[in-house]
Amino acid sequence: MSSRLVATAVATVLVAALAGCAKDEPATPADPTTATPSATVPSDDPRAALVGSWRADDADWTVHFAEDGTYTEDFEGNVDFRRGAYRVEDGIVFLDGDDGETTEGEISGETLNFKLGMLERL
């Protein structure tokens, strides 16, 4: 047999053996803010009041709050620019992004006030 054929056969056996050693363990988020949200936000949860779309025309920014505790952002024409989970604590909404950044905004009646702009419900 040629040395290439032997090398290929050995490499194939090694790859198959190593693949059998892999463990199928669920990934555990290092940060609790990146944990998978529940299926739906309970109606008594302060996040429930945010469900829907909110927009800041001046910043060309829209945030879509979903019932499952997640959000997506559209920014300057980029749909689904950023996504993640949201939470509400003491009148502040926190957007915990999949980029590792958290954005904070104050809930004030029918507006959400962020540094980037003031979101109003659509």
PDB file of N, CA and C in Angstrom:
ATOM      1  N   MET A   1       0.835  -1.184   0.000  1.00  0.00           N
ATOM      2  CA  MET A   1       0.000   0.000   0.000  1.00  0.00           C
ATOM      3  C   MET A   1       0.874   1.240   0.000  1.00  0.00           C
ATOM      4  N   SER A   2       0.329   2.298  -0.581  1.00  0.00           N
ATOM      5  CA  SER A   2       1.115   3.525  -0.616  1.00  0.00           C
ATOM      6  C   SER A   2       1.061   4.212   0.750  1.00  0.00           C
ATOM      7  N   SER A   3       2.041   5.025   1.010  1.00  0.00           N
ATOM      8  CA  SER A   3       2.106   5.715   2.299  1.00  0.00           C
ATOM      9  C   SER A   3       0.953   6.719   2.451  1.00  0.00           C
ATOM     10  N   ARG A   4       0.489   7.278   1.350  1.00  0.00           N
ATOM     11  CA  ARG A   4      -0.659   8.207   1.420  1.00  0.00           C
ATOM     12  C   ARG A   4      -1.917   7.472   1.839  1.00  0.00           C
ATOM     13  N   LEU A   5      -2.127   6.292   1.304  1.00  0.00           N
ATOM     14  CA  LEU A   5      -3.318   5.515   1.640  1.00  0.00           C
ATOM     15  C   LEU A   5      -3.285   5.109   3.110  1.00  0.00           C
ATOM     16  N   VAL A   6      -2.131   4.702   3.599  1.00  0.00           N
ATOM     17  CA  VAL A   6      -1.993   4.324   4.998  1.00  0.00           C
ATOM     18  C   VAL A   6      -2.238   5.544   5.895  1.00  0.00           C
ATOM     19  N   ALA A   7      -1.671   6.697   5.542  1.00  0.00           N
ATOM     20  CA  ALA A   7      -1.851   7.912   6.335  1.00  0.00           C
ATOM     21  C   ALA A   7      -3.321   8.330   6.366  1.00  0.00           C
ATOM     22  N   THR A   8      -3.996   8.203   5.228  1.00  0.00           N
ATOM     23  CA  THR A   8      -5.419   8.554   5.168  1.00  0.00           C
ATOM     24  C   THR A   8      -6.238   7.614   6.041  1.00  0.00           C
ATOM     25  N   ALA A   9      -5.935   6.322   5.999  1.00  0.00           N
ATOM     26  CA  ALA A   9      -6.666   5.344   6.808  1.00  0.00           C
ATOM     27  C   ALA A   9      -6.451   5.604   8.298  1.00  0.00           C
ATOM     28  N   VAL A  10      -5.230   5.890   8.695  1.00  0.00           N
ATOM     29  CA  VAL A  10      -4.923   6.167  10.101  1.00  0.00           C
ATOM     30  C   VAL A  10      -5.642   7.438  10.554  1.00  0.00           C
ATOM     31  N   ALA A  11      -5.621   8.481   9.722  1.00  0.00           N
ATOM     32  CA  ALA A  11      -6.285   9.734  10.067  1.00  0.00           C
ATOM     33  C   ALA A  11      -7.789   9.520  10.228  1.00  0.00           C
ATOM     34  N   THR A  12      -8.381   8.713   9.355  1.00  0.00           N
ATOM     35  CA  THR A  12      -9.810   8.437   9.432  1.00  0.00           C
ATOM     36  C   THR A  12     -10.160   7.719  10.724  1.00  0.00           C
ATOM     37  N   VAL A  13      -9.367   6.738  11.105  1.00  0.00           N
ATOM     38  CA  VAL A  13      -9.611   5.994  12.344  1.00  0.00           C
ATOM     39  C   VAL A  13      -9.464   6.920  13.554  1.00  0.00           C
ATOM     40  N   LEU A  14      -8.461   7.781  13.561  1.00  0.00           N
ATOM     41  CA  LEU A  14      -8.261   8.707  14.673  1.00  0.00           C
ATOM     42  C   LEU A  14      -9.423   9.697  14.803  1.00  0.00           C
ATOM     43  N   VAL A  15      -9.892  10.235  13.692  1.00  0.00           N
ATOM     44  CA  VAL A  15     -11.011  11.177  13.734  1.00  0.00           C
ATOM     45  C   VAL A  15     -12.251  10.485  14.274  1.00  0.00           C
ATOM     46  N   ALA A  16     -12.512   9.257  13.815  1.00  0.00           N
ATOM     47  CA  ALA A  16     -13.685   8.515  14.293  1.00  0.00           C
ATOM     48  C   ALA A  16     -13.563   8.216  15.785  1.00  0.00           C
ATOM     49  N   ALA A  17     -12.381   7.883  16.253  1.00  0.00           N
ATOM     50  CA  ALA A  17     -12.172   7.580  17.667  1.00  0.00           C
ATOM     51  C   ALA A  17     -12.360   8.833  18.526  1.00  0.00           C
ATOM     52  N   LEU A  18     -11.822   9.948  18.071  1.00  0.00           N
ATOM     53  CA  LEU A  18     -11.970  11.187  18.830  1.00  0.00           C
ATOM     54  C   LEU A  18     -13.417  11.668  18.845  1.00  0.00           C
ATOM     55  N   ALA A  19     -14.140  11.476  17.774  1.00  0.00           N
ATOM     56  CA  ALA A  19     -15.541  11.889  17.728  1.00  0.00           C
ATOM     57  C   ALA A  19     -16.358  11.107  18.752  1.00  0.00           C
ATOM     58  N   GLY A  20     -15.999   9.868  19.007  1.00  0.00           N
ATOM     59  CA  GLY A  20     -16.700   9.055  19.993  1.00  0.00           C
ATOM     60  C   GLY A  20     -16.435   9.498  21.419  1.00  0.00           C
ATOM     61  N   CYS A  21     -15.377  10.270  21.632  1.00  0.00           N
ATOM     62  CA  CYS A  21     -15.036  10.738  22.974  1.00  0.00           C
ATOM     63  C   CYS A  21     -15.760  12.011  23.364  1.00  0.00           C
ATOM     64  N   ALA A  22     -16.378  12.679  22.407  1.00  0.00           N
ATOM     65  CA  ALA A  22     -17.055  13.950  22.684  1.00  0.00           C
ATOM     66  C   ALA A  22     -18.259  13.729  23.588  1.00  0.00           C
ATOM     67  N   LYS A  23     -18.470  14.669  24.507  1.00  0.00           N
ATOM     68  CA  LYS A  23     -19.606  14.595  25.421  1.00  0.00           C
ATOM     69  C   LYS A  23     -20.689  15.534  24.937  1.00  0.00           C
ATOM     70  N   ASP A  24     -21.926  15.102  25.017  1.00  0.00           N
ATOM     71  CA  ASP A  24     -23.062  15.939  24.663  1.00  0.00           C
ATOM     72  C   ASP A  24     -23.655  16.537  25.928  1.00  0.00           C
ATOM     73  N   GLU A  25     -22.946  17.504  26.508  1.00  0.00           N
ATOM     74  CA  GLU A  25     -23.428  18.170  27.706  1.00  0.00           C
ATOM     75  C   GLU A  25     -24.075  19.487  27.297  1.00  0.00           C
ATOM     76  N   PRO A  26     -25.175  19.862  27.920  1.00  0.00           N
ATOM     77  CA  PRO A  26     -25.792  21.147  27.588  1.00  0.00           C
ATOM     78  C   PRO A  26     -24.883  22.296  28.000  1.00  0.00           C
ATOM     79  N   ALA A  27     -24.914  23.329  27.174  1.00  0.00           N
ATOM     80  CA  ALA A  27     -24.114  24.511  27.479  1.00  0.00           C
ATOM     81  C   ALA A  27     -24.750  25.259  28.648  1.00  0.00           C
ATOM     82  N   THR A  28     -23.919  25.668  29.593  1.00  0.00           N
ATOM     83  CA  THR A  28     -24.389  26.431  30.737  1.00  0.00           C
ATOM     84  C   THR A  28     -23.903  27.854  30.579  1.00  0.00           C
ATOM     85  N   PRO A  29     -24.806  28.820  30.505  1.00  0.00           N
ATOM     86  CA  PRO A  29     -24.361  30.198  30.355  1.00  0.00           C
ATOM     87  C   PRO A  29     -23.527  30.638  31.549  1.00  0.00           C
ATOM     88  N   ALA A  30     -22.449  31.352  31.270  1.00  0.00           N
ATOM     89  CA  ALA A  30     -21.592  31.856  32.331  1.00  0.00           C
ATOM     90  C   ALA A  30     -22.253  33.026  33.053  1.00  0.00           C
ATOM     91  N   ASP A  31     -23.106  33.727  32.335  1.00  0.00           N
ATOM     92  CA  ASP A  31     -23.753  34.904  32.890  1.00  0.00           C
ATOM     93  C   ASP A  31     -25.255  34.658  32.926  1.00  0.00           C
ATOM     94  N   PRO A  32     -25.914  34.849  34.072  1.00  0.00           N
ATOM     95  CA  PRO A  32     -27.346  34.554  34.150  1.00  0.00           C
ATOM     96  C   PRO A  32     -28.199  35.419  33.236  1.00  0.00           C
ATOM     97  N   THR A  33     -27.697  36.558  32.789  1.00  0.00           N
ATOM     98  CA  THR A  33     -28.491  37.407  31.903  1.00  0.00           C
ATOM     99  C   THR A  33     -28.595  36.824  30.508  1.00  0.00           C
ATOM    100  N   THR A  34     -27.747  35.849  30.173  1.00  0.00           N
ATOM    101  CA  THR A  34     -27.821  35.237  28.853  1.00  0.00           C
ATOM    102  C   THR A  34     -28.605  33.942  28.882  1.00  0.00           C
ATOM    103  N   ALA A  35     -29.201  33.623  30.010  1.00  0.00           N
ATOM    104  CA  ALA A  35     -29.986  32.399  30.120  1.00  0.00           C
ATOM    105  C   ALA A  35     -31.194  32.467  29.194  1.00  0.00           C
ATOM    106  N   THR A  36     -31.633  31.318  28.741  1.00  0.00           N
ATOM    107  CA  THR A  36     -32.788  31.252  27.861  1.00  0.00           C
ATOM    108  C   THR A  36     -34.027  31.716  28.609  1.00  0.00           C
ATOM    109  N   PRO A  37     -34.769  32.669  28.040  1.00  0.00           N
ATOM    110  CA  PRO A  37     -35.954  33.160  28.726  1.00  0.00           C
ATOM    111  C   PRO A  37     -37.069  32.126  28.730  1.00  0.00           C
ATOM    112  N   SER A  38     -38.067  32.350  29.584  1.00  0.00           N
ATOM    113  CA  SER A  38     -39.200  31.437  29.662  1.00  0.00           C
ATOM    114  C   SER A  38     -40.032  31.539  28.390  1.00  0.00           C
ATOM    115  N   ALA A  39     -40.951  30.595  28.207  1.00  0.00           N
ATOM    116  CA  ALA A  39     -41.766  30.556  26.997  1.00  0.00           C
ATOM    117  C   ALA A  39     -42.596  31.826  26.826  1.00  0.00           C
ATOM    118  N   THR A  40     -43.183  32.328  27.885  1.00  0.00           N
ATOM    119  CA  THR A  40     -43.933  33.584  27.821  1.00  0.00           C
ATOM    120  C   THR A  40     -43.748  34.339  29.120  1.00  0.00           C
ATOM    121  N   VAL A  41     -43.847  35.647  29.014  1.00  0.00           N
ATOM    122  CA  VAL A  41     -43.736  36.510  30.183  1.00  0.00           C
ATOM    123  C   VAL A  41     -45.092  36.500  30.889  1.00  0.00           C
ATOM    124  N   PRO A  42     -45.141  36.159  32.178  1.00  0.00           N
ATOM    125  CA  PRO A  42     -46.421  36.189  32.903  1.00  0.00           C
ATOM    126  C   PRO A  42     -47.012  37.604  32.892  1.00  0.00           C
ATOM    127  N   SER A  43     -48.331  37.694  32.903  1.00  0.00           N
ATOM    128  CA  SER A  43     -48.987  39.003  32.810  1.00  0.00           C
ATOM    129  C   SER A  43     -48.664  39.918  33.985  1.00  0.00           C
ATOM    130  N   ASP A  44     -48.294  39.359  35.142  1.00  0.00           N
ATOM    131  CA  ASP A  44     -47.955  40.202  36.287  1.00  0.00           C
ATOM    132  C   ASP A  44     -46.477  40.608  36.299  1.00  0.00           C
ATOM    133  N   ASP A  45     -45.711  40.143  35.320  1.00  0.00           N
ATOM    134  CA  ASP A  45     -44.298  40.501  35.179  1.00  0.00           C
ATOM    135  C   ASP A  45     -44.229  41.886  34.521  1.00  0.00           C
ATOM    136  N   PRO A  46     -43.388  42.805  35.021  1.00  0.00           N
ATOM    137  CA  PRO A  46     -43.315  44.143  34.432  1.00  0.00           C
ATOM    138  C   PRO A  46     -42.882  44.136  32.966  1.00  0.00           C
ATOM    139  N   ARG A  47     -42.251  43.052  32.505  1.00  0.00           N
ATOM    140  CA  ARG A  47     -41.863  42.965  31.096  1.00  0.00           C
ATOM    141  C   ARG A  47     -43.073  42.875  30.178  1.00  0.00           C
ATOM    142  N   ALA A  48     -44.195  42.348  30.690  1.00  0.00           N
ATOM    143  CA  ALA A  48     -45.392  42.159  29.868  1.00  0.00           C
ATOM    144  C   ALA A  48     -45.886  43.483  29.285  1.00  0.00           C
ATOM    145  N   ALA A  49     -45.729  44.579  30.009  1.00  0.00           N
ATOM    146  CA  ALA A  49     -46.186  45.887  29.541  1.00  0.00           C
ATOM    147  C   ALA A  49     -45.368  46.394  28.352  1.00  0.00           C
ATOM    148  N   LEU A  50     -44.204  45.814  28.118  1.00  0.00           N
ATOM    149  CA  LEU A  50     -43.340  46.271  27.024  1.00  0.00           C
ATOM    150  C   LEU A  50     -43.559  45.502  25.730  1.00  0.00           C
ATOM    151  N   VAL A  51     -44.243  44.373  25.783  1.00  0.00           N
ATOM    152  CA  VAL A  51     -44.400  43.521  24.596  1.00  0.00           C
ATOM    153  C   VAL A  51     -44.976  44.340  23.446  1.00  0.00           C
ATOM    154  N   GLY A  52     -44.309  44.260  22.307  1.00  0.00           N
ATOM    155  CA  GLY A  52     -44.695  45.018  21.118  1.00  0.00           C
ATOM    156  C   GLY A  52     -43.481  45.755  20.571  1.00  0.00           C
ATOM    157  N   SER A  53     -43.726  46.664  19.642  1.00  0.00           N
ATOM    158  CA  SER A  53     -42.644  47.412  19.000  1.00  0.00           C
ATOM    159  C   SER A  53     -42.626  48.853  19.482  1.00  0.00           C
ATOM    160  N   TRP A  54     -41.420  49.369  19.689  1.00  0.00           N
ATOM    161  CA  TRP A  54     -41.182  50.727  20.158  1.00  0.00           C
ATOM    162  C   TRP A  54     -40.178  51.372  19.212  1.00  0.00           C
ATOM    163  N   ARG A  55     -40.359  52.664  18.916  1.00  0.00           N
ATOM    164  CA  ARG A  55     -39.503  53.308  17.919  1.00  0.00           C
ATOM    165  C   ARG A  55     -39.052  54.696  18.357  1.00  0.00           C
ATOM    166  N   ALA A  56     -37.807  55.024  17.987  1.00  0.00           N
ATOM    167  CA  ALA A  56     -37.245  56.373  18.118  1.00  0.00           C
ATOM    168  C   ALA A  56     -36.927  56.843  16.699  1.00  0.00           C
ATOM    169  N   ASP A  57     -37.794  57.683  16.125  1.00  0.00           N
ATOM    170  CA  ASP A  57     -37.603  58.139  14.746  1.00  0.00           C
ATOM    171  C   ASP A  57     -36.286  58.878  14.554  1.00  0.00           C
ATOM    172  N   ASP A  58     -35.935  59.756  15.506  1.00  0.00           N
ATOM    173  CA  ASP A  58     -34.705  60.551  15.367  1.00  0.00           C
ATOM    174  C   ASP A  58     -33.466  59.671  15.251  1.00  0.00           C
ATOM    175  N   ALA A  59     -33.457  58.555  15.950  1.00  0.00           N
ATOM    176  CA  ALA A  59     -32.297  57.656  15.935  1.00  0.00           C
ATOM    177  C   ALA A  59     -32.443  56.549  14.889  1.00  0.00           C
ATOM    178  N   ASP A  60     -33.600  56.486  14.201  1.00  0.00           N
ATOM    179  CA  ASP A  60     -33.890  55.404  13.252  1.00  0.00           C
ATOM    180  C   ASP A  60     -33.640  54.057  13.938  1.00  0.00           C
ATOM    181  N   TRP A  61     -34.321  53.888  15.079  1.00  0.00           N
ATOM    182  CA  TRP A  61     -34.096  52.733  15.956  1.00  0.00           C
ATOM    183  C   TRP A  61     -35.434  52.176  16.400  1.00  0.00           C
ATOM    184  N   THR A  62     -35.622  50.880  16.245  1.00  0.00           N
ATOM    185  CA  THR A  62     -36.839  50.207  16.680  1.00  0.00           C
ATOM    186  C   THR A  62     -36.458  49.000  17.512  1.00  0.00           C
ATOM    187  N   VAL A  63     -37.165  48.809  18.620  1.00  0.00           N
ATOM    188  CA  VAL A  63     -36.964  47.639  19.467  1.00  0.00           C
ATOM    189  C   VAL A  63     -38.273  46.858  19.493  1.00  0.00           C
ATOM    190  N   HIS A  64     -38.174  45.560  19.225  1.00  0.00           N
ATOM    191  CA  HIS A  64     -39.326  44.666  19.227  1.00  0.00           C
ATOM    192  C   HIS A  64     -39.211  43.756  20.447  1.00  0.00           C
ATOM    193  N   PHE A  65     -40.100  43.935  21.426  1.00  0.00           N
ATOM    194  CA  PHE A  65     -40.106  43.125  22.635  1.00  0.00           C
ATOM    195  C   PHE A  65     -41.062  41.954  22.425  1.00  0.00           C
ATOM    196  N   ALA A  66     -40.576  40.727  22.578  1.00  0.00           N
ATOM    197  CA  ALA A  66     -41.390  39.534  22.383  1.00  0.00           C
ATOM    198  C   ALA A  66     -41.938  39.026  23.711  1.00  0.00           C
ATOM    199  N   GLU A  67     -42.992  38.229  23.626  1.00  0.00           N
ATOM    200  CA  GLU A  67     -43.631  37.675  24.826  1.00  0.00           C
ATOM    201  C   GLU A  67     -42.737  36.684  25.568  1.00  0.00           C
ATOM    202  N   ASP A  68     -41.727  36.154  24.901  1.00  0.00           N
ATOM    203  CA  ASP A  68     -40.864  35.158  25.547  1.00  0.00           C
ATOM    204  C   ASP A  68     -39.694  35.785  26.297  1.00  0.00           C
ATOM    205  N   GLY A  69     -39.682  37.136  26.426  1.00  0.00           N
ATOM    206  CA  GLY A  69     -38.621  37.805  27.172  1.00  0.00           C
ATOM    207  C   GLY A  69     -37.402  38.140  26.332  1.00  0.00           C
ATOM    208  N   THR A  70     -37.509  37.997  25.009  1.00  0.00           N
ATOM    209  CA  THR A  70     -36.409  38.353  24.125  1.00  0.00           C
ATOM    210  C   THR A  70     -36.766  39.625  23.370  1.00  0.00           C
ATOM    211  N   TYR A  71     -35.766  40.224  22.737  1.00  0.00           N
ATOM    212  CA  TYR A  71     -35.997  41.411  21.918  1.00  0.00           C
ATOM    213  C   TYR A  71     -35.089  41.357  20.696  1.00  0.00           C
ATOM    214  N   THR A  72     -35.469  42.126  19.688  1.00  0.00           N
ATOM    215  CA  THR A  72     -34.599  42.375  18.538  1.00  0.00           C
ATOM    216  C   THR A  72     -34.618  43.876  18.284  1.00  0.00           C
ATOM    217  N   GLU A  73     -33.508  44.375  17.767  1.00  0.00           N
ATOM    218  CA  GLU A  73     -33.396  45.793  17.444  1.00  0.00           C
ATOM    219  C   GLU A  73     -33.161  45.953  15.950  1.00  0.00           C
ATOM    220  N   ASP A  74     -33.832  46.936  15.368  1.00  0.00           N
ATOM    221  CA  ASP A  74     -33.548  47.375  14.005  1.00  0.00           C
ATOM    222  C   ASP A  74     -32.890  48.744  14.159  1.00  0.00           C
ATOM    223  N   PHE A  75     -31.773  48.955  13.460  1.00  0.00           N
ATOM    224  CA  PHE A  75     -31.055  50.215  13.624  1.00  0.00           C
ATOM    225  C   PHE A  75     -30.539  50.695  12.275  1.00  0.00           C
ATOM    226  N   GLU A  76     -30.916  51.917  11.924  1.00  0.00           N
ATOM    227  CA  GLU A  76     -30.483  52.571  10.685  1.00  0.00           C
ATOM    228  C   GLU A  76     -30.624  51.657   9.479  1.00  0.00           C
ATOM    229  N   GLY A  77     -31.798  51.033   9.355  1.00  0.00           N
ATOM    230  CA  GLY A  77     -32.084  50.180   8.204  1.00  0.00           C
ATOM    231  C   GLY A  77     -31.596  48.753   8.321  1.00  0.00           C
ATOM    232  N   ASN A  78     -30.859  48.432   9.371  1.00  0.00           N
ATOM    233  CA  ASN A  78     -30.364  47.072   9.591  1.00  0.00           C
ATOM    234  C   ASN A  78     -31.366  46.309  10.451  1.00  0.00           C
ATOM    235  N   VAL A  79     -32.108  45.403   9.827  1.00  0.00           N
ATOM    236  CA  VAL A  79     -33.114  44.607  10.530  1.00  0.00           C
ATOM    237  C   VAL A  79     -32.406  43.543  11.358  1.00  0.00           C
ATOM    238  N   ASP A  80     -32.904  43.292  12.563  1.00  0.00           N
ATOM    239  CA  ASP A  80     -32.289  42.343  13.499  1.00  0.00           C
ATOM    240  C   ASP A  80     -30.818  42.674  13.740  1.00  0.00           C
ATOM    241  N   PHE A  81     -30.540  43.950  13.903  1.00  0.00           N
ATOM    242  CA  PHE A  81     -29.183  44.443  14.141  1.00  0.00           C
ATOM    243  C   PHE A  81     -28.578  43.838  15.403  1.00  0.00           C
ATOM    244  N   ARG A  82     -29.422  43.692  16.414  1.00  0.00           N
ATOM    245  CA  ARG A  82     -28.981  43.162  17.710  1.00  0.00           C
ATOM    246  C   ARG A  82     -30.152  42.433  18.339  1.00  0.00           C
ATOM    247  N   ARG A  83     -29.861  41.428  19.125  1.00  0.00           N
ATOM    248  CA  ARG A  83     -30.912  40.670  19.808  1.00  0.00           C
ATOM    249  C   ARG A  83     -30.419  40.234  21.169  1.00  0.00           C
ATOM    250  N   GLY A  84     -31.354  39.794  21.997  1.00  0.00           N
ATOM    251  CA  GLY A  84     -30.989  39.332  23.326  1.00  0.00           C
ATOM    252  C   GLY A  84     -32.224  39.155  24.192  1.00  0.00           C
ATOM    253  N   ALA A  85     -32.026  39.245  25.498  1.00  0.00           N
ATOM    254  CA  ALA A  85     -33.119  39.120  26.468  1.00  0.00           C
ATOM    255  C   ALA A  85     -33.280  40.463  27.162  1.00  0.00           C
ATOM    256  N   TYR A  86     -34.516  40.742  27.595  1.00  0.00           N
ATOM    257  CA  TYR A  86     -34.743  41.983  28.326  1.00  0.00           C
ATOM    258  C   TYR A  86     -35.309  41.674  29.703  1.00  0.00           C
ATOM    259  N   ARG A  87     -35.046  42.607  30.621  1.00  0.00           N
ATOM    260  CA  ARG A  87     -35.550  42.480  31.985  1.00  0.00           C
ATOM    261  C   ARG A  87     -35.908  43.867  32.477  1.00  0.00           C
ATOM    262  N   VAL A  88     -36.754  43.918  33.501  1.00  0.00           N
ATOM    263  CA  VAL A  88     -37.175  45.190  34.091  1.00  0.00           C
ATOM    264  C   VAL A  88     -36.929  45.117  35.584  1.00  0.00           C
ATOM    265  N   GLU A  89     -36.247  46.145  36.114  1.00  0.00           N
ATOM    266  CA  GLU A  89     -35.982  46.243  37.545  1.00  0.00           C
ATOM    267  C   GLU A  89     -36.146  47.697  37.974  1.00  0.00           C
ATOM    268  N   ASP A  90     -37.031  47.949  38.926  1.00  0.00           N
ATOM    269  CA  ASP A  90     -37.227  49.285  39.498  1.00  0.00           C
ATOM    270  C   ASP A  90     -37.413  50.370  38.442  1.00  0.00           C
ATOM    271  N   GLY A  91     -38.254  50.118  37.450  1.00  0.00           N
ATOM    272  CA  GLY A  91     -38.556  51.117  36.435  1.00  0.00           C
ATOM    273  C   GLY A  91     -37.493  51.297  35.367  1.00  0.00           C
ATOM    274  N   ILE A  92     -36.528  50.410  35.335  1.00  0.00           N
ATOM    275  CA  ILE A  92     -35.470  50.456  34.322  1.00  0.00           C
ATOM    276  C   ILE A  92     -35.569  49.188  33.483  1.00  0.00           C
ATOM    277  N   VAL A  93     -35.524  49.340  32.149  1.00  0.00           N
ATOM    278  CA  VAL A  93     -35.483  48.175  31.266  1.00  0.00           C
ATOM    279  C   VAL A  93     -34.021  47.961  30.858  1.00  0.00           C
ATOM    280  N   PHE A  94     -33.589  46.731  30.939  1.00  0.00           N
ATOM    281  CA  PHE A  94     -32.224  46.346  30.587  1.00  0.00           C
ATOM    282  C   PHE A  94     -32.286  45.467  29.344  1.00  0.00           C
ATOM    283  N   LEU A  95     -31.580  45.864  28.307  1.00  0.00           N
ATOM    284  CA  LEU A  95     -31.465  45.068  27.096  1.00  0.00           C
ATOM    285  C   LEU A  95     -30.124  44.347  27.158  1.00  0.00           C
ATOM    286  N   ASP A  96     -30.163  43.068  27.504  1.00  0.00           N
ATOM    287  CA  ASP A  96     -28.948  42.257  27.611  1.00  0.00           C
ATOM    288  C   ASP A  96     -28.695  41.624  26.248  1.00  0.00           C
ATOM    289  N   GLY A  97     -27.778  42.228  25.488  1.00  0.00           N
ATOM    290  CA  GLY A  97     -27.555  41.820  24.106  1.00  0.00           C
ATOM    291  C   GLY A  97     -26.705  40.587  23.954  1.00  0.00           C
ATOM    292  N   ASP A  98     -26.881  39.917  22.815  1.00  0.00           N
ATOM    293  CA  ASP A  98     -26.066  38.748  22.506  1.00  0.00           C
ATOM    294  C   ASP A  98     -24.621  39.145  22.194  1.00  0.00           C
ATOM    295  N   ASP A  99     -24.367  40.453  22.143  1.00  0.00           N
ATOM    296  CA  ASP A  99     -23.012  40.954  21.927  1.00  0.00           C
ATOM    297  C   ASP A  99     -22.266  41.172  23.241  1.00  0.00           C
ATOM    298  N   GLY A 100     -22.923  40.846  24.373  1.00  0.00           N
ATOM    299  CA  GLY A 100     -22.300  41.007  25.680  1.00  0.00           C
ATOM    300  C   GLY A 100     -22.519  42.382  26.293  1.00  0.00           C
ATOM    301  N   GLU A 101     -23.173  43.272  25.577  1.00  0.00           N
ATOM    302  CA  GLU A 101     -23.435  44.622  26.074  1.00  0.00           C
ATOM    303  C   GLU A 101     -24.835  44.697  26.664  1.00  0.00           C
ATOM    304  N   THR A 102     -25.002  45.542  27.679  1.00  0.00           N
ATOM    305  CA  THR A 102     -26.308  45.798  28.274  1.00  0.00           C
ATOM    306  C   THR A 102     -26.617  47.280  28.135  1.00  0.00           C
ATOM    307  N   THR A 103     -27.810  47.563  27.613  1.00  0.00           N
ATOM    308  CA  THR A 103     -28.275  48.931  27.437  1.00  0.00           C
ATOM    309  C   THR A 103     -29.409  49.165  28.422  1.00  0.00           C
ATOM    310  N   GLU A 104     -29.383  50.307  29.104  1.00  0.00           N
ATOM    311  CA  GLU A 104     -30.401  50.623  30.112  1.00  0.00           C
ATOM    312  C   GLU A 104     -31.259  51.790  29.650  1.00  0.00           C
ATOM    313  N   GLY A 105     -32.564  51.670  29.930  1.00  0.00           N
ATOM    314  CA  GLY A 105     -33.481  52.759  29.616  1.00  0.00           C
ATOM    315  C   GLY A 105     -34.524  52.903  30.706  1.00  0.00           C
ATOM    316  N   GLU A 106     -34.914  54.129  30.976  1.00  0.00           N
ATOM    317  CA  GLU A 106     -35.913  54.404  32.008  1.00  0.00           C
ATOM    318  C   GLU A 106     -37.313  54.325  31.413  1.00  0.00           C
ATOM    319  N   ILE A 107     -38.188  53.602  32.107  1.00  0.00           N
ATOM    320  CA  ILE A 107     -39.583  53.514  31.690  1.00  0.00           C
ATOM    321  C   ILE A 107     -40.291  54.734  32.263  1.00  0.00           C
ATOM    322  N   SER A 108     -40.883  55.551  31.381  1.00  0.00           N
ATOM    323  CA  SER A 108     -41.553  56.770  31.801  1.00  0.00           C
ATOM    324  C   SER A 108     -42.886  56.860  31.069  1.00  0.00           C
ATOM    325  N   GLY A 109     -43.924  56.299  31.688  1.00  0.00           N
ATOM    326  CA  GLY A 109     -45.240  56.305  31.058  1.00  0.00           C
ATOM    327  C   GLY A 109     -45.235  55.498  29.778  1.00  0.00           C
ATOM    328  N   GLU A 110     -45.513  56.167  28.668  1.00  0.00           N
ATOM    329  CA  GLU A 110     -45.554  55.500  27.366  1.00  0.00           C
ATOM    330  C   GLU A 110     -44.271  55.696  26.568  1.00  0.00           C
ATOM    331  N   THR A 111     -43.174  56.018  27.256  1.00  0.00           N
ATOM    332  CA  THR A 111     -41.889  56.153  26.575  1.00  0.00           C
ATOM    333  C   THR A 111     -40.823  55.369  27.326  1.00  0.00           C
ATOM    334  N   LEU A 112     -39.801  54.990  26.583  1.00  0.00           N
ATOM    335  CA  LEU A 112     -38.611  54.351  27.153  1.00  0.00           C
ATOM    336  C   LEU A 112     -37.442  55.256  26.788  1.00  0.00           C
ATOM    337  N   ASN A 113     -36.773  55.803  27.798  1.00  0.00           N
ATOM    338  CA  ASN A 113     -35.722  56.782  27.570  1.00  0.00           C
ATOM    339  C   ASN A 113     -34.339  56.149  27.684  1.00  0.00           C
ATOM    340  N   PHE A 114     -33.665  56.050  26.542  1.00  0.00           N
ATOM    341  CA  PHE A 114     -32.315  55.513  26.455  1.00  0.00           C
ATOM    342  C   PHE A 114     -31.383  56.646  26.027  1.00  0.00           C
ATOM    343  N   LYS A 115     -30.085  56.459  26.185  1.00  0.00           N
ATOM    344  CA  LYS A 115     -29.119  57.455  25.714  1.00  0.00           C
ATOM    345  C   LYS A 115     -29.225  57.639  24.203  1.00  0.00           C
ATOM    346  N   LEU A 116     -29.519  56.551  23.487  1.00  0.00           N
ATOM    347  CA  LEU A 116     -29.607  56.615  22.026  1.00  0.00           C
ATOM    348  C   LEU A 116     -30.839  57.382  21.563  1.00  0.00           C
ATOM    349  N   GLY A 117     -31.907  57.338  22.343  1.00  0.00           N
ATOM    350  CA  GLY A 117     -33.123  58.036  21.944  1.00  0.00           C
ATOM    351  C   GLY A 117     -34.305  57.627  22.807  1.00  0.00           C
ATOM    352  N   MET A 118     -35.420  58.319  22.602  1.00  0.00           N
ATOM    353  CA  MET A 118     -36.637  58.035  23.343  1.00  0.00           C
ATOM    354  C   MET A 118     -37.537  57.170  22.468  1.00  0.00           C
ATOM    355  N   LEU A 119     -37.802  55.953  22.947  1.00  0.00           N
ATOM    356  CA  LEU A 119     -38.659  55.031  22.219  1.00  0.00           C
ATOM    357  C   LEU A 119     -40.115  55.275  22.582  1.00  0.00           C
ATOM    358  N   GLU A 120     -40.972  55.269  21.575  1.00  0.00           N
ATOM    359  CA  GLU A 120     -42.418  55.376  21.776  1.00  0.00           C
ATOM    360  C   GLU A 120     -43.075  54.156  21.159  1.00  0.00           C
ATOM    361  N   ARG A 121     -44.145  53.702  21.818  1.00  0.00           N
ATOM    362  CA  ARG A 121     -44.838  52.508  21.332  1.00  0.00           C
ATOM    363  C   ARG A 121     -45.429  52.759  19.949  1.00  0.00           C
ATOM    364  N   LEU A 122     -45.275  51.776  19.084  1.00  0.00           N
ATOM    365  CA  LEU A 122     -45.886  51.866  17.742  1.00  0.00           C
ATOM    366  C   LEU A 122     -47.315  51.388  17.790  1.00  0.00           C
TER     367      LEU A 122
END
